[in-house]
């Protein structure tokens, strides 16, 4: 079950990369001095990436825990 730990770590890292990407996109939108409505639209566009990345991170961490438990 050691392979499950490594696969889970890789999936979790993909999620972390996505979370960092979404943080950078929202930060870039905030620095652009957009109006309140435009900023809200920009954040709404990033929301699916953020939620998907969070899901990948949680899924990867669960895989790591299951792999460690079964080892």
PDB file of N, CA and C in Angstrom:
ATOM      1  N   UNK A   1       0.805  -1.207   0.000  1.00  0.00           N
ATOM      2  CA  UNK A   1       0.000   0.000   0.000  1.00  0.00           C
ATOM      3  C   UNK A   1       0.845   1.269   0.000  1.00  0.00           C
ATOM      4  N   UNK A   2       2.134   1.106  -0.119  1.00  0.00           N
ATOM      5  CA  UNK A   2       3.010   2.273  -0.152  1.00  0.00           C
ATOM      6  C   UNK A   2       2.730   3.143  -1.377  1.00  0.00           C
ATOM      7  N   UNK A   3       2.329   2.496  -2.475  1.00  0.00           N
ATOM      8  CA  UNK A   3       2.021   3.265  -3.684  1.00  0.00           C
ATOM      9  C   UNK A   3       0.838   4.195  -3.453  1.00  0.00           C
ATOM     10  N   UNK A   4      -0.110   3.800  -2.613  1.00  0.00           N
ATOM     11  CA  UNK A   4      -1.261   4.645  -2.324  1.00  0.00           C
ATOM     12  C   UNK A   4      -0.836   5.927  -1.610  1.00  0.00           C
ATOM     13  N   UNK A   5       0.170   5.823  -0.755  1.00  0.00           N
ATOM     14  CA  UNK A   5       0.685   7.001  -0.057  1.00  0.00           C
ATOM     15  C   UNK A   5       1.293   7.973  -1.061  1.00  0.00           C
ATOM     16  N   UNK A   6       2.090   7.448  -1.996  1.00  0.00           N
ATOM     17  CA  UNK A   6       2.755   8.329  -2.968  1.00  0.00           C
ATOM     18  C   UNK A   6       1.766   8.935  -3.954  1.00  0.00           C
ATOM     19  N   UNK A   7       0.801   8.143  -4.387  1.00  0.00           N
ATOM     20  CA  UNK A   7      -0.226   8.688  -5.282  1.00  0.00           C
ATOM     21  C   UNK A   7      -1.045   9.752  -4.561  1.00  0.00           C
ATOM     22  N   UNK A   8      -1.392   9.502  -3.307  1.00  0.00           N
ATOM     23  CA  UNK A   8      -2.128  10.485  -2.516  1.00  0.00           C
ATOM     24  C   UNK A   8      -1.341  11.764  -2.319  1.00  0.00           C
ATOM     25  N   UNK A   9      -0.032  11.626  -2.105  1.00  0.00           N
ATOM     26  CA  UNK A   9       0.798  12.817  -1.950  1.00  0.00           C
ATOM     27  C   UNK A   9       0.836  13.623  -3.249  1.00  0.00           C
ATOM     28  N   UNK A  10       0.890  12.936  -4.378  1.00  0.00           N
ATOM     29  CA  UNK A  10       0.903  13.628  -5.667  1.00  0.00           C
ATOM     30  C   UNK A  10      -0.425  14.341  -5.921  1.00  0.00           C
ATOM     31  N   UNK A  11      -1.528  13.686  -5.614  1.00  0.00           N
ATOM     32  CA  UNK A  11      -2.851  14.301  -5.791  1.00  0.00           C
ATOM     33  C   UNK A  11      -2.992  15.507  -4.863  1.00  0.00           C
ATOM     34  N   UNK A  12      -2.516  15.377  -3.657  1.00  0.00           N
ATOM     35  CA  UNK A  12      -2.573  16.485  -2.712  1.00  0.00           C
ATOM     36  C   UNK A  12      -1.718  17.667  -3.177  1.00  0.00           C
ATOM     37  N   UNK A  13      -0.580  17.378  -3.775  1.00  0.00           N
ATOM     38  CA  UNK A  13       0.271  18.454  -4.303  1.00  0.00           C
ATOM     39  C   UNK A  13      -0.399  19.167  -5.479  1.00  0.00           C
ATOM     40  N   UNK A  14      -1.102  18.409  -6.322  1.00  0.00           N
ATOM     41  CA  UNK A  14      -1.849  19.053  -7.410  1.00  0.00           C
ATOM     42  C   UNK A  14      -2.905  19.999  -6.845  1.00  0.00           C
ATOM     43  N   UNK A  15      -3.573  19.571  -5.807  1.00  0.00           N
ATOM     44  CA  UNK A  15      -4.551  20.435  -5.159  1.00  0.00           C
ATOM     45  C   UNK A  15      -3.916  21.677  -4.559  1.00  0.00           C
ATOM     46  N   UNK A  16      -2.752  21.505  -3.963  1.00  0.00           N
ATOM     47  CA  UNK A  16      -2.051  22.650  -3.381  1.00  0.00           C
ATOM     48  C   UNK A  16      -1.621  23.641  -4.459  1.00  0.00           C
ATOM     49  N   UNK A  17      -1.167  23.126  -5.586  1.00  0.00           N
ATOM     50  CA  UNK A  17      -0.793  24.006  -6.697  1.00  0.00           C
ATOM     51  C   UNK A  17      -2.012  24.784  -7.189  1.00  0.00           C
ATOM     52  N   UNK A  18      -3.158  24.116  -7.264  1.00  0.00           N
ATOM     53  CA  UNK A  18      -4.386  24.796  -7.664  1.00  0.00           C
ATOM     54  C   UNK A  18      -4.812  25.861  -6.672  1.00  0.00           C
ATOM     55  N   UNK A  19      -4.669  25.570  -5.381  1.00  0.00           N
ATOM     56  CA  UNK A  19      -5.017  26.570  -4.364  1.00  0.00           C
ATOM     57  C   UNK A  19      -4.113  27.794  -4.457  1.00  0.00           C
ATOM     58  N   UNK A  20      -2.832  27.569  -4.665  1.00  0.00           N
ATOM     59  CA  UNK A  20      -1.901  28.690  -4.811  1.00  0.00           C
ATOM     60  C   UNK A  20      -2.242  29.497  -6.057  1.00  0.00           C
ATOM     61  N   UNK A  21      -2.611  28.797  -7.119  1.00  0.00           N
ATOM     62  CA  UNK A  21      -2.997  29.476  -8.353  1.00  0.00           C
ATOM     63  C   UNK A  21      -4.224  30.356  -8.145  1.00  0.00           C
ATOM     64  N   UNK A  22      -5.204  29.847  -7.432  1.00  0.00           N
ATOM     65  CA  UNK A  22      -6.407  30.643  -7.194  1.00  0.00           C
ATOM     66  C   UNK A  22      -6.103  31.846  -6.302  1.00  0.00           C
ATOM     67  N   UNK A  23      -5.226  31.668  -5.334  1.00  0.00           N
ATOM     68  CA  UNK A  23      -4.827  32.798  -4.481  1.00  0.00           C
ATOM     69  C   UNK A  23      -4.150  33.876  -5.311  1.00  0.00           C
ATOM     70  N   UNK A  24      -3.272  33.458  -6.212  1.00  0.00           N
ATOM     71  CA  UNK A  24      -2.562  34.432  -7.047  1.00  0.00           C
ATOM     72  C   UNK A  24      -3.520  35.157  -7.997  1.00  0.00           C
ATOM     73  N   UNK A  25      -4.506  34.451  -8.537  1.00  0.00           N
ATOM     74  CA  UNK A  25      -5.470  35.082  -9.441  1.00  0.00           C
ATOM     75  C   UNK A  25      -6.311  36.121  -8.718  1.00  0.00           C
ATOM     76  N   UNK A  26      -6.767  35.807  -7.511  1.00  0.00           N
ATOM     77  CA  UNK A  26      -7.569  36.769  -6.754  1.00  0.00           C
ATOM     78  C   UNK A  26      -6.707  37.953  -6.318  1.00  0.00           C
ATOM     79  N   UNK A  27      -5.469  37.681  -5.946  1.00  0.00           N
ATOM     80  CA  UNK A  27      -4.566  38.765  -5.561  1.00  0.00           C
ATOM     81  C   UNK A  27      -4.308  39.702  -6.738  1.00  0.00           C
ATOM     82  N   UNK A  28      -4.138  39.136  -7.918  1.00  0.00           N
ATOM     83  CA  UNK A  28      -3.931  39.953  -9.115  1.00  0.00           C
ATOM     84  C   UNK A  28      -5.155  40.804  -9.408  1.00  0.00           C
ATOM     85  N   UNK A  29      -6.348  40.236  -9.207  1.00  0.00           N
ATOM     86  CA  UNK A  29      -7.577  40.990  -9.433  1.00  0.00           C
ATOM     87  C   UNK A  29      -7.723  42.117  -8.414  1.00  0.00           C
ATOM     88  N   UNK A  30      -7.312  41.873  -7.180  1.00  0.00           N
ATOM     89  CA  UNK A  30      -7.400  42.935  -6.158  1.00  0.00           C
ATOM     90  C   UNK A  30      -6.434  44.066  -6.439  1.00  0.00           C
ATOM     91  N   UNK A  31      -5.243  43.718  -6.948  1.00  0.00           N
ATOM     92  CA  UNK A  31      -4.252  44.751  -7.252  1.00  0.00           C
ATOM     93  C   UNK A  31      -4.621  45.564  -8.481  1.00  0.00           C
ATOM     94  N   UNK A  32      -5.528  45.056  -9.306  1.00  0.00           N
ATOM     95  CA  UNK A  32      -5.927  45.760 -10.523  1.00  0.00           C
ATOM     96  C   UNK A  32      -6.880  46.921 -10.239  1.00  0.00           C
ATOM     97  N   UNK A  33      -7.226  47.110  -8.978  1.00  0.00           N
ATOM     98  CA  UNK A  33      -8.106  48.217  -8.563  1.00  0.00           C
ATOM     99  C   UNK A  33      -9.429  48.183  -9.335  1.00  0.00           C
ATOM    100  N   UNK A  34     -10.025  47.000  -9.392  1.00  0.00           N
ATOM    101  CA  UNK A  34     -11.306  46.850 -10.074  1.00  0.00           C
ATOM    102  C   UNK A  34     -12.431  47.399  -9.206  1.00  0.00           C
ATOM    103  N   UNK A  35     -13.533  47.677  -9.860  1.00  0.00           N
ATOM    104  CA  UNK A  35     -14.703  48.104  -9.086  1.00  0.00           C
ATOM    105  C   UNK A  35     -15.204  46.912  -8.273  1.00  0.00           C
ATOM    106  N   UNK A  36     -16.092  47.188  -7.355  1.00  0.00           N
ATOM    107  CA  UNK A  36     -16.597  46.143  -6.460  1.00  0.00           C
ATOM    108  C   UNK A  36     -17.292  45.033  -7.246  1.00  0.00           C
ATOM    109  N   UNK A  37     -18.068  45.411  -8.231  1.00  0.00           N
ATOM    110  CA  UNK A  37     -18.795  44.421  -9.027  1.00  0.00           C
ATOM    111  C   UNK A  37     -17.834  43.598  -9.901  1.00  0.00           C
ATOM    112  N   UNK A  38     -16.844  44.249 -10.480  1.00  0.00           N
ATOM    113  CA  UNK A  38     -15.869  43.529 -11.309  1.00  0.00           C
ATOM    114  C   UNK A  38     -15.020  42.582 -10.467  1.00  0.00           C
ATOM    115  N   UNK A  39     -14.688  42.999  -9.280  1.00  0.00           N
ATOM    116  CA  UNK A  39     -13.926  42.141  -8.371  1.00  0.00           C
ATOM    117  C   UNK A  39     -14.757  40.927  -7.970  1.00  0.00           C
ATOM    118  N   UNK A  40     -16.029  41.134  -7.727  1.00  0.00           N
ATOM    119  CA  UNK A  40     -16.921  40.025  -7.388  1.00  0.00           C
ATOM    120  C   UNK A  40     -17.000  39.022  -8.535  1.00  0.00           C
ATOM    121  N   UNK A  41     -17.061  39.510  -9.777  1.00  0.00           N
ATOM    122  CA  UNK A  41     -17.102  38.631 -10.947  1.00  0.00           C
ATOM    123  C   UNK A  41     -15.792  37.853 -11.071  1.00  0.00           C
ATOM    124  N   UNK A  42     -14.670  38.519 -10.826  1.00  0.00           N
ATOM    125  CA  UNK A  42     -13.371  37.853 -10.913  1.00  0.00           C
ATOM    126  C   UNK A  42     -13.251  36.756  -9.861  1.00  0.00           C
ATOM    127  N   UNK A  43     -13.732  37.025  -8.668  1.00  0.00           N
ATOM    128  CA  UNK A  43     -13.670  36.021  -7.604  1.00  0.00           C
ATOM    129  C   UNK A  43     -14.607  34.852  -7.916  1.00  0.00           C
ATOM    130  N   UNK A  44     -15.761  35.135  -8.496  1.00  0.00           N
ATOM    131  CA  UNK A  44     -16.687  34.064  -8.866  1.00  0.00           C
ATOM    132  C   UNK A  44     -16.110  33.170  -9.953  1.00  0.00           C
ATOM    133  N   UNK A  45     -15.275  33.718 -10.833  1.00  0.00           N
ATOM    134  CA  UNK A  45     -14.628  32.906 -11.866  1.00  0.00           C
ATOM    135  C   UNK A  45     -13.580  31.976 -11.270  1.00  0.00           C
ATOM    136  N   UNK A  46     -12.950  32.388 -10.189  1.00  0.00           N
ATOM    137  CA  UNK A  46     -11.890  31.600  -9.559  1.00  0.00           C
ATOM    138  C   UNK A  46     -12.463  30.551  -8.595  1.00  0.00           C
ATOM    139  N   UNK A  47     -13.683  30.735  -8.167  1.00  0.00           N
ATOM    140  CA  UNK A  47     -14.291  29.853  -7.171  1.00  0.00           C
ATOM    141  C   UNK A  47     -14.302  28.375  -7.568  1.00  0.00           C
ATOM    142  N   UNK A  48     -14.657  27.993  -8.801  1.00  0.00           N
ATOM    143  CA  UNK A  48     -14.611  26.559  -9.145  1.00  0.00           C
ATOM    144  C   UNK A  48     -13.203  25.968  -9.052  1.00  0.00           C
ATOM    145  N   UNK A  49     -12.197  26.730  -9.456  1.00  0.00           N
ATOM    146  CA  UNK A  49     -10.815  26.272  -9.324  1.00  0.00           C
ATOM    147  C   UNK A  49     -10.450  26.076  -7.859  1.00  0.00           C
ATOM    148  N   UNK A  50     -10.868  26.998  -7.030  1.00  0.00           N
ATOM    149  CA  UNK A  50     -10.572  26.914  -5.607  1.00  0.00           C
ATOM    150  C   UNK A  50     -11.231  25.687  -4.979  1.00  0.00           C
ATOM    151  N   UNK A  51     -12.505  25.472  -5.268  1.00  0.00           N
ATOM    152  CA  UNK A  51     -13.216  24.338  -4.681  1.00  0.00           C
ATOM    153  C   UNK A  51     -12.688  23.006  -5.216  1.00  0.00           C
ATOM    154  N   UNK A  52     -12.381  22.953  -6.513  1.00  0.00           N
ATOM    155  CA  UNK A  52     -11.815  21.736  -7.082  1.00  0.00           C
ATOM    156  C   UNK A  52     -10.450  21.416  -6.503  1.00  0.00           C
ATOM    157  N   UNK A  53      -9.644  22.432  -6.305  1.00  0.00           N
ATOM    158  CA  UNK A  53      -8.322  22.230  -5.717  1.00  0.00           C
ATOM    159  C   UNK A  53      -8.417  21.783  -4.267  1.00  0.00           C
ATOM    160  N   UNK A  54      -9.358  22.350  -3.547  1.00  0.00           N
ATOM    161  CA  UNK A  54      -9.573  21.935  -2.159  1.00  0.00           C
ATOM    162  C   UNK A  54     -10.024  20.482  -2.106  1.00  0.00           C
ATOM    163  N   UNK A  55     -10.893  20.085  -3.026  1.00  0.00           N
ATOM    164  CA  UNK A  55     -11.344  18.700  -3.093  1.00  0.00           C
ATOM    165  C   UNK A  55     -10.172  17.762  -3.394  1.00  0.00           C
ATOM    166  N   UNK A  56      -9.306  18.140  -4.333  1.00  0.00           N
ATOM    167  CA  UNK A  56      -8.141  17.312  -4.643  1.00  0.00           C
ATOM    168  C   UNK A  56      -7.219  17.178  -3.443  1.00  0.00           C
ATOM    169  N   UNK A  57      -7.014  18.258  -2.733  1.00  0.00           N
ATOM    170  CA  UNK A  57      -6.142  18.207  -1.561  1.00  0.00           C
ATOM    171  C   UNK A  57      -6.701  17.272  -0.496  1.00  0.00           C
ATOM    172  N   UNK A  58      -7.981  17.380  -0.238  1.00  0.00           N
ATOM    173  CA  UNK A  58      -8.612  16.516   0.768  1.00  0.00           C
ATOM    174  C   UNK A  58      -8.579  15.060   0.317  1.00  0.00           C
ATOM    175  N   UNK A  59      -8.873  14.808  -0.948  1.00  0.00           N
ATOM    176  CA  UNK A  59      -8.852  13.454  -1.482  1.00  0.00           C
ATOM    177  C   UNK A  59      -7.449  12.854  -1.386  1.00  0.00           C
ATOM    178  N   UNK A  60      -6.441  13.655  -1.715  1.00  0.00           N
ATOM    179  CA  UNK A  60      -5.067  13.174  -1.613  1.00  0.00           C
ATOM    180  C   UNK A  60      -4.663  12.856  -0.189  1.00  0.00           C
ATOM    181  N   UNK A  61      -5.049  13.701   0.731  1.00  0.00           N
ATOM    182  CA  UNK A  61      -4.712  13.453   2.132  1.00  0.00           C
ATOM    183  C   UNK A  61      -5.441  12.222   2.669  1.00  0.00           C
ATOM    184  N   UNK A  62      -6.670  12.005   2.219  1.00  0.00           N
ATOM    185  CA  UNK A  62      -7.383  10.798   2.634  1.00  0.00           C
ATOM    186  C   UNK A  62      -6.685   9.556   2.074  1.00  0.00           C
ATOM    187  N   UNK A  63      -6.188   9.647   0.851  1.00  0.00           N
ATOM    188  CA  UNK A  63      -5.460   8.518   0.270  1.00  0.00           C
ATOM    189  C   UNK A  63      -4.188   8.221   1.053  1.00  0.00           C
ATOM    190  N   UNK A  64      -3.505   9.264   1.478  1.00  0.00           N
ATOM    191  CA  UNK A  64      -2.291   9.078   2.278  1.00  0.00           C
ATOM    192  C   UNK A  64      -2.625   8.399   3.596  1.00  0.00           C
ATOM    193  N   UNK A  65      -3.662   8.848   4.262  1.00  0.00           N
ATOM    194  CA  UNK A  65      -4.056   8.272   5.547  1.00  0.00           C
ATOM    195  C   UNK A  65      -4.462   6.799   5.389  1.00  0.00           C
ATOM    196  N   UNK A  66      -5.238   6.509   4.342  1.00  0.00           N
ATOM    197  CA  UNK A  66      -5.642   5.131   4.107  1.00  0.00           C
ATOM    198  C   UNK A  66      -4.426   4.268   3.793  1.00  0.00           C
ATOM    199  N   UNK A  67      -3.499   4.789   2.996  1.00  0.00           N
ATOM    200  CA  UNK A  67      -2.294   4.053   2.668  1.00  0.00           C
ATOM    201  C   UNK A  67      -1.431   3.764   3.889  1.00  0.00           C
ATOM    202  N   UNK A  68      -1.309   4.735   4.773  1.00  0.00           N
ATOM    203  CA  UNK A  68      -0.531   4.542   5.993  1.00  0.00           C
ATOM    204  C   UNK A  68      -1.231   3.543   6.911  1.00  0.00           C
ATOM    205  N   UNK A  69      -2.538   3.638   7.001  1.00  0.00           N
ATOM    206  CA  UNK A  69      -3.291   2.715   7.857  1.00  0.00           C
ATOM    207  C   UNK A  69      -3.169   1.272   7.367  1.00  0.00           C
ATOM    208  N   UNK A  70      -3.203   1.077   6.081  1.00  0.00           N
ATOM    209  CA  UNK A  70      -3.148  -0.270   5.529  1.00  0.00           C
ATOM    210  C   UNK A  70      -1.736  -0.846   5.453  1.00  0.00           C
ATOM    211  N   UNK A  71      -0.757  -0.008   5.637  1.00  0.00           N
ATOM    212  CA  UNK A  71       0.637  -0.496   5.570  1.00  0.00           C
ATOM    213  C   UNK A  71       1.048  -1.222   6.823  1.00  0.00           C
TER     214      UNK A  71
END
